[in-house]
Protein backbone atom coordinates (compact mmCIF):
# COMPACT_ATOMS: atom_id res chain seq x y z
CA UNK A 1 17.87 8.84 7.48
CA UNK A 2 14.98 6.52 6.73
CA UNK A 3 15.51 3.07 5.23
CA UNK A 4 13.10 1.91 2.54
CA UNK A 5 11.64 -1.58 2.85
CA UNK A 6 11.95 -4.03 -0.03
CA UNK A 7 8.30 -3.43 -0.97
CA UNK A 8 8.80 0.36 -0.94
CA UNK A 9 11.86 0.06 -3.16
CA UNK A 10 9.98 -2.25 -5.55
CA UNK A 11 7.01 0.12 -5.85
CA UNK A 12 9.27 3.16 -6.19
CA UNK A 13 11.32 1.39 -8.89
CA UNK A 14 8.19 0.45 -10.86
CA UNK A 15 6.88 4.01 -10.77
CA UNK A 16 10.32 5.41 -11.61
CA UNK A 17 10.75 3.03 -14.55
CA UNK A 18 7.31 3.68 -16.04
CA UNK A 19 7.18 7.38 -15.06
CA UNK A 20 3.43 7.05 -14.48
CA UNK A 21 1.19 4.08 -13.69
CA UNK A 22 -2.40 3.61 -12.59
CA UNK A 23 -2.82 2.23 -9.08
CA UNK A 24 -4.73 -0.77 -10.50
CA UNK A 25 -1.84 -1.52 -12.90
CA UNK A 26 0.62 -1.28 -10.00
CA UNK A 27 -1.47 -3.75 -8.02
CA UNK A 28 -1.33 -6.20 -10.94
CA UNK A 29 2.50 -5.99 -10.86
CA UNK A 30 2.57 -6.99 -7.18
CA UNK A 31 0.45 -10.14 -6.72
CA UNK A 32 2.35 -10.99 -3.53
CA UNK A 33 1.00 -7.85 -1.81
CA UNK A 34 -2.57 -7.10 -0.78
CA UNK A 35 -4.42 -3.96 -1.85
CA UNK A 36 -4.09 -2.62 1.71
CA UNK A 37 -0.32 -3.22 1.76
CA UNK A 38 0.18 -1.46 -1.58
CA UNK A 39 -2.04 1.45 -0.58
CA UNK A 40 -0.25 1.87 2.76
CA UNK A 41 3.15 1.89 1.03
CA UNK A 42 1.96 4.31 -1.69
CA UNK A 43 0.51 6.57 1.00
CA UNK A 44 3.84 6.60 2.86
CA UNK A 45 5.86 7.26 -0.31
CA UNK A 46 3.46 10.05 -1.23
CA UNK A 47 3.68 11.67 2.21
CA UNK A 48 7.49 11.60 1.96
CA UNK A 49 7.34 13.20 -1.50
CA UNK A 50 8.81 10.22 -3.36
CA UNK A 51 5.74 9.65 -5.56
CA UNK A 52 2.85 11.84 -6.62
CA UNK A 53 -0.64 10.35 -6.36
CA UNK A 54 -3.28 12.01 -8.53
CA UNK A 55 -6.90 11.24 -9.21
CA UNK A 56 -7.71 10.77 -12.92
CA UNK A 57 -11.48 10.48 -13.17
CA UNK A 58 -12.34 7.37 -11.18
CA UNK A 59 -8.76 6.07 -11.18
CA UNK A 60 -5.60 7.03 -9.33
CA UNK A 61 -2.27 7.55 -11.05
CA UNK A 62 1.19 7.48 -9.51
CA UNK A 63 4.00 9.61 -10.94
CA UNK A 64 7.60 10.21 -10.01
CA UNK A 65 9.33 13.23 -11.50
CA UNK A 66 12.88 11.78 -11.92
CA UNK A 67 14.87 14.88 -10.98
CA UNK A 68 12.64 15.63 -7.97
CA UNK A 69 12.76 12.08 -6.65
CA UNK A 70 16.51 11.80 -7.11
CA UNK A 71 17.07 15.04 -5.17
CA UNK A 72 14.95 13.75 -2.29
CA UNK A 73 16.65 10.37 -2.27
CA UNK A 74 20.06 11.99 -2.42
CA UNK A 75 19.22 14.29 0.49
CA UNK A 76 18.16 11.24 2.50
CA UNK A 77 21.28 9.23 1.68
CA UNK A 78 19.80 7.13 -1.15
CA UNK A 79 21.14 6.68 -4.66
CA UNK A 80 18.97 5.33 -7.47
CA UNK A 81 20.63 3.44 -10.31
CA UNK A 82 18.20 1.96 -12.83
CA UNK A 83 15.75 0.03 -10.69
CA UNK A 84 18.23 -0.50 -7.84
CA UNK A 85 18.15 1.73 -4.78
CA UNK A 86 21.33 2.14 -2.75
CA UNK A 87 21.31 3.50 0.77
CA UNK A 88 23.91 4.07 3.43
CA UNK A 89 23.65 2.39 6.79
CA UNK A 90 26.53 3.45 8.97
CA UNK A 91 29.67 3.03 6.86
CA UNK A 92 28.11 0.35 4.64
CA UNK A 93 26.32 0.85 1.30
CA UNK A 94 23.34 -1.49 0.78
CA UNK A 95 21.57 -2.17 -2.54
CA UNK A 96 17.94 -3.15 -2.94
CA UNK A 97 16.22 -4.03 -6.21
């Protein structure tokens, strides 16, 4: 089981809530993170199948199909409730917003 960092959970929650968002819009939502940090996290989420990254002309768009993402999270021990991600660590359930 992999554990998502706070930044990963935040980005995943934003994409999940909006269903689709341009990478530049996502960056504007996260002023505390650099472009490189956001890109690295998005790349990791994309490689794990938690977000879809698509080129739209000269821009990049992130999407998360709700049912697909929930199945992946569930298979990995995560539960998504609104914008809060729950995961199991040992016998304890941890929530991250």
